Amino acid sequence: MHISKVQDTNVQTERTEEYKAPTEETAWSRLKKALGPVAVVGVFIAKFFAKLKFVLLPLLKFLPVLLKSGGTMLLMIWIYMQLWGWQFAL
């Protein structure tokens, strides 16, 4: 069995300058702080609409049928209301 000695070596390099935190805030960091909450709200809205599309897309199949019958009914109510008043139209 061969045992080798490990020498103690300093892995860190010496720095000539100390790290200094930025004293004033940059425009980019202010923009990130302002748009961060907006992005979170946008993600939640996108997630909501992604789930909602599974409900809305099958309902859109019946939209032309509803507009054909219900749309003409609402159109005639509006026309009668314009000609003779809302009491006669309803």
PDB file of N, CA and C in Angstrom:
ATOM      1  N   MET A   1       0.835  -1.169   0.000  1.00  0.00           N
ATOM      2  CA  MET A   1       0.000   0.000   0.000  1.00  0.00           C
ATOM      3  C   MET A   1       0.889   1.244   0.000  1.00  0.00           C
ATOM      4  N   HIS A   2       0.570   2.164  -0.914  1.00  0.00           N
ATOM      5  CA  HIS A   2       1.384   3.354  -1.053  1.00  0.00           C
ATOM      6  C   HIS A   2       0.611   4.555  -0.530  1.00  0.00           C
ATOM      7  N   ILE A   3       1.147   5.249   0.423  1.00  0.00           N
ATOM      8  CA  ILE A   3       0.500   6.432   0.988  1.00  0.00           C
ATOM      9  C   ILE A   3       1.304   7.642   0.553  1.00  0.00           C
ATOM     10  N   SER A   4       0.619   8.572  -0.097  1.00  0.00           N
ATOM     11  CA  SER A   4       1.303   9.785  -0.525  1.00  0.00           C
ATOM     12  C   SER A   4       0.916  10.935   0.391  1.00  0.00           C
ATOM     13  N   LYS A   5       1.832  11.793   0.578  1.00  0.00           N
ATOM     14  CA  LYS A   5       1.567  12.947   1.431  1.00  0.00           C
ATOM     15  C   LYS A   5       0.938  14.059   0.596  1.00  0.00           C
ATOM     16  N   VAL A   6      -0.096  14.646   1.164  1.00  0.00           N
ATOM     17  CA  VAL A   6      -0.745  15.762   0.486  1.00  0.00           C
ATOM     18  C   VAL A   6      -0.180  17.036   1.070  1.00  0.00           C
ATOM     19  N   GLN A   7       0.312  17.856   0.204  1.00  0.00           N
ATOM     20  CA  GLN A   7       0.878  19.112   0.671  1.00  0.00           C
ATOM     21  C   GLN A   7      -0.237  20.122   0.884  1.00  0.00           C
ATOM     22  N   ASP A   8      -0.069  20.932   1.899  1.00  0.00           N
ATOM     23  CA  ASP A   8      -1.037  22.003   2.133  1.00  0.00           C
ATOM     24  C   ASP A   8      -0.774  23.110   1.125  1.00  0.00           C
ATOM     25  N   THR A   9      -1.747  23.325   0.266  1.00  0.00           N
ATOM     26  CA  THR A   9      -1.610  24.383  -0.726  1.00  0.00           C
ATOM     27  C   THR A   9      -2.737  25.377  -0.542  1.00  0.00           C
ATOM     28  N   ASN A  10      -2.440  26.599  -0.795  1.00  0.00           N
ATOM     29  CA  ASN A  10      -3.436  27.654  -0.705  1.00  0.00           C
ATOM     30  C   ASN A  10      -4.112  27.776  -2.063  1.00  0.00           C
ATOM     31  N   VAL A  11      -5.386  27.436  -2.125  1.00  0.00           N
ATOM     32  CA  VAL A  11      -6.097  27.448  -3.391  1.00  0.00           C
ATOM     33  C   VAL A  11      -6.543  28.863  -3.749  1.00  0.00           C
ATOM     34  N   GLN A  12      -6.787  29.677  -2.749  1.00  0.00           N
ATOM     35  CA  GLN A  12      -7.255  31.034  -3.007  1.00  0.00           C
ATOM     36  C   GLN A  12      -6.105  31.889  -3.505  1.00  0.00           C
ATOM     37  N   THR A  13      -6.447  32.774  -4.397  1.00  0.00           N
ATOM     38  CA  THR A  13      -5.440  33.709  -4.883  1.00  0.00           C
ATOM     39  C   THR A  13      -5.531  34.984  -4.063  1.00  0.00           C
ATOM     40  N   GLU A  14      -4.450  35.650  -3.989  1.00  0.00           N
ATOM     41  CA  GLU A  14      -4.448  36.892  -3.222  1.00  0.00           C
ATOM     42  C   GLU A  14      -5.077  37.997  -4.057  1.00  0.00           C
ATOM     43  N   ARG A  15      -5.912  38.771  -3.395  1.00  0.00           N
ATOM     44  CA  ARG A  15      -6.555  39.893  -4.081  1.00  0.00           C
ATOM     45  C   ARG A  15      -5.851  41.185  -3.683  1.00  0.00           C
ATOM     46  N   THR A  16      -5.680  42.015  -4.672  1.00  0.00           N
ATOM     47  CA  THR A  16      -5.068  43.301  -4.363  1.00  0.00           C
ATOM     48  C   THR A  16      -6.126  44.302  -3.907  1.00  0.00           C
ATOM     49  N   GLU A  17      -7.375  44.135  -4.378  1.00  0.00           N
ATOM     50  CA  GLU A  17      -8.450  45.053  -4.001  1.00  0.00           C
ATOM     51  C   GLU A  17      -9.484  44.303  -3.191  1.00  0.00           C
ATOM     52  N   GLU A  18     -10.064  44.967  -2.255  1.00  0.00           N
ATOM     53  CA  GLU A  18     -11.181  44.399  -1.519  1.00  0.00           C
ATOM     54  C   GLU A  18     -12.453  44.653  -2.307  1.00  0.00           C
ATOM     55  N   TYR A  19     -13.406  43.765  -2.158  1.00  0.00           N
ATOM     56  CA  TYR A  19     -14.691  43.936  -2.843  1.00  0.00           C
ATOM     57  C   TYR A  19     -15.466  45.056  -2.171  1.00  0.00           C
ATOM     58  N   LYS A  20     -15.968  45.959  -2.979  1.00  0.00           N
ATOM     59  CA  LYS A  20     -16.782  47.054  -2.457  1.00  0.00           C
ATOM     60  C   LYS A  20     -18.175  46.939  -3.064  1.00  0.00           C
ATOM     61  N   ALA A  21     -19.183  47.009  -2.227  1.00  0.00           N
ATOM     62  CA  ALA A  21     -20.562  46.963  -2.711  1.00  0.00           C
ATOM     63  C   ALA A  21     -20.855  48.237  -3.487  1.00  0.00           C
ATOM     64  N   PRO A  22     -21.700  48.149  -4.513  1.00  0.00           N
ATOM     65  CA  PRO A  22     -22.033  49.358  -5.272  1.00  0.00           C
ATOM     66  C   PRO A  22     -22.722  50.378  -4.363  1.00  0.00           C
ATOM     67  N   THR A  23     -22.297  51.606  -4.499  1.00  0.00           N
ATOM     68  CA  THR A  23     -22.838  52.633  -3.607  1.00  0.00           C
ATOM     69  C   THR A  23     -24.183  53.141  -4.084  1.00  0.00           C
ATOM     70  N   GLU A  24     -24.373  53.266  -5.372  1.00  0.00           N
ATOM     71  CA  GLU A  24     -25.670  53.729  -5.863  1.00  0.00           C
ATOM     72  C   GLU A  24     -26.276  52.687  -6.795  1.00  0.00           C
ATOM     73  N   GLU A  25     -27.583  52.706  -6.847  1.00  0.00           N
ATOM     74  CA  GLU A  25     -28.325  51.706  -7.610  1.00  0.00           C
ATOM     75  C   GLU A  25     -28.317  52.078  -9.093  1.00  0.00           C
ATOM     76  N   THR A  26     -28.109  51.092  -9.947  1.00  0.00           N
ATOM     77  CA  THR A  26     -28.102  51.356 -11.380  1.00  0.00           C
ATOM     78  C   THR A  26     -29.525  51.333 -11.924  1.00  0.00           C
ATOM     79  N   ALA A  27     -29.685  51.838 -13.123  1.00  0.00           N
ATOM     80  CA  ALA A  27     -31.013  51.864 -13.748  1.00  0.00           C
ATOM     81  C   ALA A  27     -31.504  50.448 -14.030  1.00  0.00           C
ATOM     82  N   TRP A  28     -30.592  49.558 -14.378  1.00  0.00           N
ATOM     83  CA  TRP A  28     -30.989  48.177 -14.677  1.00  0.00           C
ATOM     84  C   TRP A  28     -31.515  47.478 -13.431  1.00  0.00           C
ATOM     85  N   SER A  29     -30.884  47.694 -12.284  1.00  0.00           N
ATOM     86  CA  SER A  29     -31.369  47.050 -11.057  1.00  0.00           C
ATOM     87  C   SER A  29     -32.707  47.634 -10.620  1.00  0.00           C
ATOM     88  N   ARG A  30     -32.904  48.932 -10.823  1.00  0.00           N
ATOM     89  CA  ARG A  30     -34.213  49.529 -10.503  1.00  0.00           C
ATOM     90  C   ARG A  30     -35.284  48.982 -11.422  1.00  0.00           C
ATOM     91  N   LEU A  31     -34.953  48.779 -12.695  1.00  0.00           N
ATOM     92  CA  LEU A  31     -35.916  48.232 -13.647  1.00  0.00           C
ATOM     93  C   LEU A  31     -36.279  46.797 -13.286  1.00  0.00           C
ATOM     94  N   LYS A  32     -35.292  46.002 -12.884  1.00  0.00           N
ATOM     95  CA  LYS A  32     -35.569  44.621 -12.477  1.00  0.00           C
ATOM     96  C   LYS A  32     -36.453  44.577 -11.241  1.00  0.00           C
ATOM     97  N   LYS A  33     -36.221  45.464 -10.294  1.00  0.00           N
ATOM     98  CA  LYS A  33     -37.047  45.502  -9.089  1.00  0.00           C
ATOM     99  C   LYS A  33     -38.470  45.932  -9.407  1.00  0.00           C
ATOM    100  N   ALA A  34     -38.640  46.810 -10.377  1.00  0.00           N
ATOM    101  CA  ALA A  34     -39.979  47.288 -10.724  1.00  0.00           C
ATOM    102  C   ALA A  34     -40.746  46.261 -11.546  1.00  0.00           C
ATOM    103  N   LEU A  35     -40.071  45.576 -12.453  1.00  0.00           N
ATOM    104  CA  LEU A  35     -40.757  44.643 -13.345  1.00  0.00           C
ATOM    105  C   LEU A  35     -40.865  43.234 -12.784  1.00  0.00           C
ATOM    106  N   GLY A  36     -40.212  42.942 -11.695  1.00  0.00           N
ATOM    107  CA  GLY A  36     -40.294  41.615 -11.088  1.00  0.00           C
ATOM    108  C   GLY A  36     -41.709  41.238 -10.682  1.00  0.00           C
ATOM    109  N   PRO A  37     -42.397  42.071  -9.893  1.00  0.00           N
ATOM    110  CA  PRO A  37     -43.783  41.741  -9.526  1.00  0.00           C
ATOM    111  C   PRO A  37     -44.722  41.693 -10.723  1.00  0.00           C
ATOM    112  N   VAL A  38     -44.476  42.527 -11.721  1.00  0.00           N
ATOM    113  CA  VAL A  38     -45.315  42.512 -12.922  1.00  0.00           C
ATOM    114  C   VAL A  38     -45.163  41.179 -13.644  1.00  0.00           C
ATOM    115  N   ALA A  39     -43.954  40.667 -13.693  1.00  0.00           N
ATOM    116  CA  ALA A  39     -43.720  39.375 -14.344  1.00  0.00           C
ATOM    117  C   ALA A  39     -44.401  38.244 -13.585  1.00  0.00           C
ATOM    118  N   VAL A  40     -44.390  38.312 -12.258  1.00  0.00           N
ATOM    119  CA  VAL A  40     -45.050  37.271 -11.457  1.00  0.00           C
ATOM    120  C   VAL A  40     -46.551  37.279 -11.714  1.00  0.00           C
ATOM    121  N   VAL A  41     -47.146  38.467 -11.748  1.00  0.00           N
ATOM    122  CA  VAL A  41     -48.583  38.570 -12.032  1.00  0.00           C
ATOM    123  C   VAL A  41     -48.874  38.070 -13.443  1.00  0.00           C
ATOM    124  N   GLY A  42     -48.001  38.388 -14.392  1.00  0.00           N
ATOM    125  CA  GLY A  42     -48.181  37.908 -15.762  1.00  0.00           C
ATOM    126  C   GLY A  42     -48.139  36.395 -15.863  1.00  0.00           C
ATOM    127  N   VAL A  43     -47.274  35.770 -15.096  1.00  0.00           N
ATOM    128  CA  VAL A  43     -47.194  34.306 -15.103  1.00  0.00           C
ATOM    129  C   VAL A  43     -48.474  33.705 -14.538  1.00  0.00           C
ATOM    130  N   PHE A  44     -49.001  34.283 -13.448  1.00  0.00           N
ATOM    131  CA  PHE A  44     -50.241  33.766 -12.872  1.00  0.00           C
ATOM    132  C   PHE A  44     -51.422  33.947 -13.823  1.00  0.00           C
ATOM    133  N   ILE A  45     -51.479  35.072 -14.528  1.00  0.00           N
ATOM    134  CA  ILE A  45     -52.556  35.290 -15.502  1.00  0.00           C
ATOM    135  C   ILE A  45     -52.433  34.295 -16.652  1.00  0.00           C
ATOM    136  N   ALA A  46     -51.222  34.067 -17.132  1.00  0.00           N
ATOM    137  CA  ALA A  46     -51.021  33.095 -18.213  1.00  0.00           C
ATOM    138  C   ALA A  46     -51.409  31.692 -17.770  1.00  0.00           C
ATOM    139  N   LYS A  47     -51.093  31.354 -16.525  1.00  0.00           N
ATOM    140  CA  LYS A  47     -51.464  30.038 -15.999  1.00  0.00           C
ATOM    141  C   LYS A  47     -52.981  29.904 -15.913  1.00  0.00           C
ATOM    142  N   PHE A  48     -53.654  30.973 -15.493  1.00  0.00           N
ATOM    143  CA  PHE A  48     -55.113  30.956 -15.399  1.00  0.00           C
ATOM    144  C   PHE A  48     -55.747  30.773 -16.777  1.00  0.00           C
ATOM    145  N   PHE A  49     -55.278  31.529 -17.781  1.00  0.00           N
ATOM    146  CA  PHE A  49     -55.847  31.413 -19.118  1.00  0.00           C
ATOM    147  C   PHE A  49     -55.507  30.081 -19.776  1.00  0.00           C
ATOM    148  N   ALA A  50     -54.379  29.488 -19.409  1.00  0.00           N
ATOM    149  CA  ALA A  50     -54.043  28.170 -19.950  1.00  0.00           C
ATOM    150  C   ALA A  50     -55.036  27.125 -19.467  1.00  0.00           C
ATOM    151  N   LYS A  51     -55.474  27.242 -18.212  1.00  0.00           N
ATOM    152  CA  LYS A  51     -56.477  26.310 -17.709  1.00  0.00           C
ATOM    153  C   LYS A  51     -57.859  26.647 -18.251  1.00  0.00           C
ATOM    154  N   LEU A  52     -58.111  27.921 -18.473  1.00  0.00           N
ATOM    155  CA  LEU A  52     -59.425  28.359 -18.927  1.00  0.00           C
ATOM    156  C   LEU A  52     -59.694  27.974 -20.381  1.00  0.00           C
ATOM    157  N   LYS A  53     -58.644  27.816 -21.172  1.00  0.00           N
ATOM    158  CA  LYS A  53     -58.847  27.511 -22.587  1.00  0.00           C
ATOM    159  C   LYS A  53     -59.502  26.149 -22.794  1.00  0.00           C
ATOM    160  N   PHE A  54     -59.307  25.220 -21.859  1.00  0.00           N
ATOM    161  CA  PHE A  54     -59.938  23.913 -21.996  1.00  0.00           C
ATOM    162  C   PHE A  54     -61.444  23.992 -21.785  1.00  0.00           C
ATOM    163  N   VAL A  55     -61.905  25.050 -21.144  1.00  0.00           N
ATOM    164  CA  VAL A  55     -63.339  25.266 -20.964  1.00  0.00           C
ATOM    165  C   VAL A  55     -63.890  26.095 -22.119  1.00  0.00           C
ATOM    166  N   LEU A  56     -63.144  27.122 -22.535  1.00  0.00           N
ATOM    167  CA  LEU A  56     -63.652  28.045 -23.549  1.00  0.00           C
ATOM    168  C   LEU A  56     -63.642  27.470 -24.962  1.00  0.00           C
ATOM    169  N   LEU A  57     -62.642  26.706 -25.307  1.00  0.00           N
ATOM    170  CA  LEU A  57     -62.562  26.204 -26.680  1.00  0.00           C
ATOM    171  C   LEU A  57     -63.738  25.304 -27.065  1.00  0.00           C
ATOM    172  N   PRO A  58     -64.186  24.381 -26.219  1.00  0.00           N
ATOM    173  CA  PRO A  58     -65.382  23.617 -26.602  1.00  0.00           C
ATOM    174  C   PRO A  58     -66.640  24.485 -26.677  1.00  0.00           C
ATOM    175  N   LEU A  59     -66.723  25.529 -25.842  1.00  0.00           N
ATOM    176  CA  LEU A  59     -67.894  26.403 -25.894  1.00  0.00           C
ATOM    177  C   LEU A  59     -67.916  27.263 -27.155  1.00  0.00           C
ATOM    178  N   LEU A  60     -66.750  27.574 -27.697  1.00  0.00           N
ATOM    179  CA  LEU A  60     -66.693  28.374 -28.924  1.00  0.00           C
ATOM    180  C   LEU A  60     -67.263  27.622 -30.122  1.00  0.00           C
ATOM    181  N   LYS A  61     -67.372  26.317 -29.995  1.00  0.00           N
ATOM    182  CA  LYS A  61     -67.953  25.519 -31.069  1.00  0.00           C
ATOM    183  C   LYS A  61     -69.422  25.877 -31.274  1.00  0.00           C
ATOM    184  N   PHE A  62     -70.105  26.240 -30.191  1.00  0.00           N
ATOM    185  CA  PHE A  62     -71.525  26.559 -30.268  1.00  0.00           C
ATOM    186  C   PHE A  62     -71.793  28.051 -30.468  1.00  0.00           C
ATOM    187  N   LEU A  63     -70.759  28.876 -30.542  1.00  0.00           N
ATOM    188  CA  LEU A  63     -70.939  30.316 -30.686  1.00  0.00           C
ATOM    189  C   LEU A  63     -71.685  30.704 -31.962  1.00  0.00           C
ATOM    190  N   PRO A  64     -71.395  30.142 -33.125  1.00  0.00           N
ATOM    191  CA  PRO A  64     -72.162  30.530 -34.320  1.00  0.00           C
ATOM    192  C   PRO A  64     -73.653  30.209 -34.198  1.00  0.00           C
ATOM    193  N   VAL A  65     -73.988  29.091 -33.578  1.00  0.00           N
ATOM    194  CA  VAL A  65     -75.397  28.728 -33.413  1.00  0.00           C
ATOM    195  C   VAL A  65     -76.084  29.723 -32.489  1.00  0.00           C
ATOM    196  N   LEU A  66     -75.408  30.089 -31.398  1.00  0.00           N
ATOM    197  CA  LEU A  66     -75.985  31.051 -30.461  1.00  0.00           C
ATOM    198  C   LEU A  66     -76.134  32.428 -31.090  1.00  0.00           C
ATOM    199  N   LEU A  67     -75.163  32.839 -31.892  1.00  0.00           N
ATOM    200  CA  LEU A  67     -75.258  34.146 -32.534  1.00  0.00           C
ATOM    201  C   LEU A  67     -76.332  34.168 -33.613  1.00  0.00           C
ATOM    202  N   LYS A  68     -76.555  33.039 -34.243  1.00  0.00           N
ATOM    203  CA  LYS A  68     -77.560  32.990 -35.297  1.00  0.00           C
ATOM    204  C   LYS A  68     -78.956  33.220 -34.722  1.00  0.00           C
ATOM    205  N   SER A  69     -79.283  32.552 -33.642  1.00  0.00           N
ATOM    206  CA  SER A  69     -80.627  32.702 -33.072  1.00  0.00           C
ATOM    207  C   SER A  69     -80.680  33.846 -32.067  1.00  0.00           C
ATOM    208  N   GLY A  70     -79.777  33.843 -31.105  1.00  0.00           N
ATOM    209  CA  GLY A  70     -79.801  34.876 -30.068  1.00  0.00           C
ATOM    210  C   GLY A  70     -79.382  36.233 -30.584  1.00  0.00           C
ATOM    211  N   GLY A  71     -78.484  36.254 -31.538  1.00  0.00           N
ATOM    212  CA  GLY A  71     -78.028  37.526 -32.094  1.00  0.00           C
ATOM    213  C   GLY A  71     -79.118  38.242 -32.861  1.00  0.00           C
ATOM    214  N   THR A  72     -79.878  37.505 -33.648  1.00  0.00           N
ATOM    215  CA  THR A  72     -80.975  38.148 -34.384  1.00  0.00           C
ATOM    216  C   THR A  72     -82.076  38.594 -33.431  1.00  0.00           C
ATOM    217  N   MET A  73     -82.296  37.851 -32.338  1.00  0.00           N
ATOM    218  CA  MET A  73     -83.294  38.260 -31.355  1.00  0.00           C
ATOM    219  C   MET A  73     -82.879  39.580 -30.704  1.00  0.00           C
ATOM    220  N   LEU A  74     -81.616  39.682 -30.284  1.00  0.00           N
ATOM    221  CA  LEU A  74     -81.144  40.926 -29.674  1.00  0.00           C
ATOM    222  C   LEU A  74     -81.154  42.081 -30.668  1.00  0.00           C
ATOM    223  N   LEU A  75     -80.859  41.803 -31.926  1.00  0.00           N
ATOM    224  CA  LEU A  75     -80.907  42.842 -32.954  1.00  0.00           C
ATOM    225  C   LEU A  75     -82.321  43.377 -33.131  1.00  0.00           C
ATOM    226  N   MET A  76     -83.308  42.501 -33.159  1.00  0.00           N
ATOM    227  CA  MET A  76     -84.693  42.947 -33.337  1.00  0.00           C
ATOM    228  C   MET A  76     -85.204  43.693 -32.103  1.00  0.00           C
ATOM    229  N   ILE A  77     -84.795  43.260 -30.907  1.00  0.00           N
ATOM    230  CA  ILE A  77     -85.175  44.006 -29.698  1.00  0.00           C
ATOM    231  C   ILE A  77     -84.604  45.413 -29.766  1.00  0.00           C
ATOM    232  N   TRP A  78     -83.375  45.553 -30.202  1.00  0.00           N
ATOM    233  CA  TRP A  78     -82.766  46.877 -30.305  1.00  0.00           C
ATOM    234  C   TRP A  78     -83.482  47.731 -31.350  1.00  0.00           C
ATOM    235  N   ILE A  79     -83.833  47.141 -32.491  1.00  0.00           N
ATOM    236  CA  ILE A  79     -84.527  47.903 -33.541  1.00  0.00           C
ATOM    237  C   ILE A  79     -85.903  48.346 -33.064  1.00  0.00           C
ATOM    238  N   TYR A  80     -86.691  47.450 -32.449  1.00  0.00           N
ATOM    239  CA  TYR A  80     -88.008  47.821 -31.927  1.00  0.00           C
ATOM    240  C   TYR A  80     -87.879  48.887 -30.846  1.00  0.00           C
ATOM    241  N   MET A  81     -86.830  48.792 -30.031  1.00  0.00           N
ATOM    242  CA  MET A  81     -86.624  49.776 -28.976  1.00  0.00           C
ATOM    243  C   MET A  81     -86.320  51.145 -29.577  1.00  0.00           C
ATOM    244  N   GLN A  82     -85.598  51.188 -30.680  1.00  0.00           N
ATOM    245  CA  GLN A  82     -85.292  52.456 -31.324  1.00  0.00           C
ATOM    246  C   GLN A  82     -86.531  53.055 -31.987  1.00  0.00           C
ATOM    247  N   LEU A  83     -87.382  52.208 -32.526  1.00  0.00           N
ATOM    248  CA  LEU A  83     -88.565  52.711 -33.236  1.00  0.00           C
ATOM    249  C   LEU A  83     -89.707  53.072 -32.296  1.00  0.00           C
ATOM    250  N   TRP A  84     -90.056  52.206 -31.340  1.00  0.00           N
ATOM    251  CA  TRP A  84     -91.269  52.402 -30.547  1.00  0.00           C
ATOM    252  C   TRP A  84     -91.034  52.476 -29.035  1.00  0.00           C
ATOM    253  N   GLY A  85     -89.771  52.429 -28.580  1.00  0.00           N
ATOM    254  CA  GLY A  85     -89.498  52.532 -27.149  1.00  0.00           C
ATOM    255  C   GLY A  85     -89.246  51.172 -26.519  1.00  0.00           C
ATOM    256  N   TRP A  86     -88.610  51.187 -25.362  1.00  0.00           N
ATOM    257  CA  TRP A  86     -88.205  49.940 -24.727  1.00  0.00           C
ATOM    258  C   TRP A  86     -89.388  49.155 -24.171  1.00  0.00           C
ATOM    259  N   GLN A  87     -90.501  49.835 -23.841  1.00  0.00           N
ATOM    260  CA  GLN A  87     -91.654  49.110 -23.309  1.00  0.00           C
ATOM    261  C   GLN A  87     -92.236  48.174 -24.367  1.00  0.00           C
ATOM    262  N   PHE A  88     -92.303  48.634 -25.602  1.00  0.00           N
ATOM    263  CA  PHE A  88     -92.840  47.806 -26.675  1.00  0.00           C
ATOM    264  C   PHE A  88     -91.840  46.721 -27.097  1.00  0.00           C
ATOM    265  N   ALA A  89     -90.572  47.038 -27.016  1.00  0.00           N
ATOM    266  CA  ALA A  89     -89.549  46.091 -27.461  1.00  0.00           C
ATOM    267  C   ALA A  89     -89.468  44.884 -26.540  1.00  0.00           C
ATOM    268  N   LEU A  90     -89.680  45.110 -25.253  1.00  0.00           N
ATOM    269  CA  LEU A  90     -89.595  43.989 -24.324  1.00  0.00           C
ATOM    270  C   LEU A  90     -90.963  43.402 -24.117  1.00  0.00           C
TER     271      LEU A  90
END
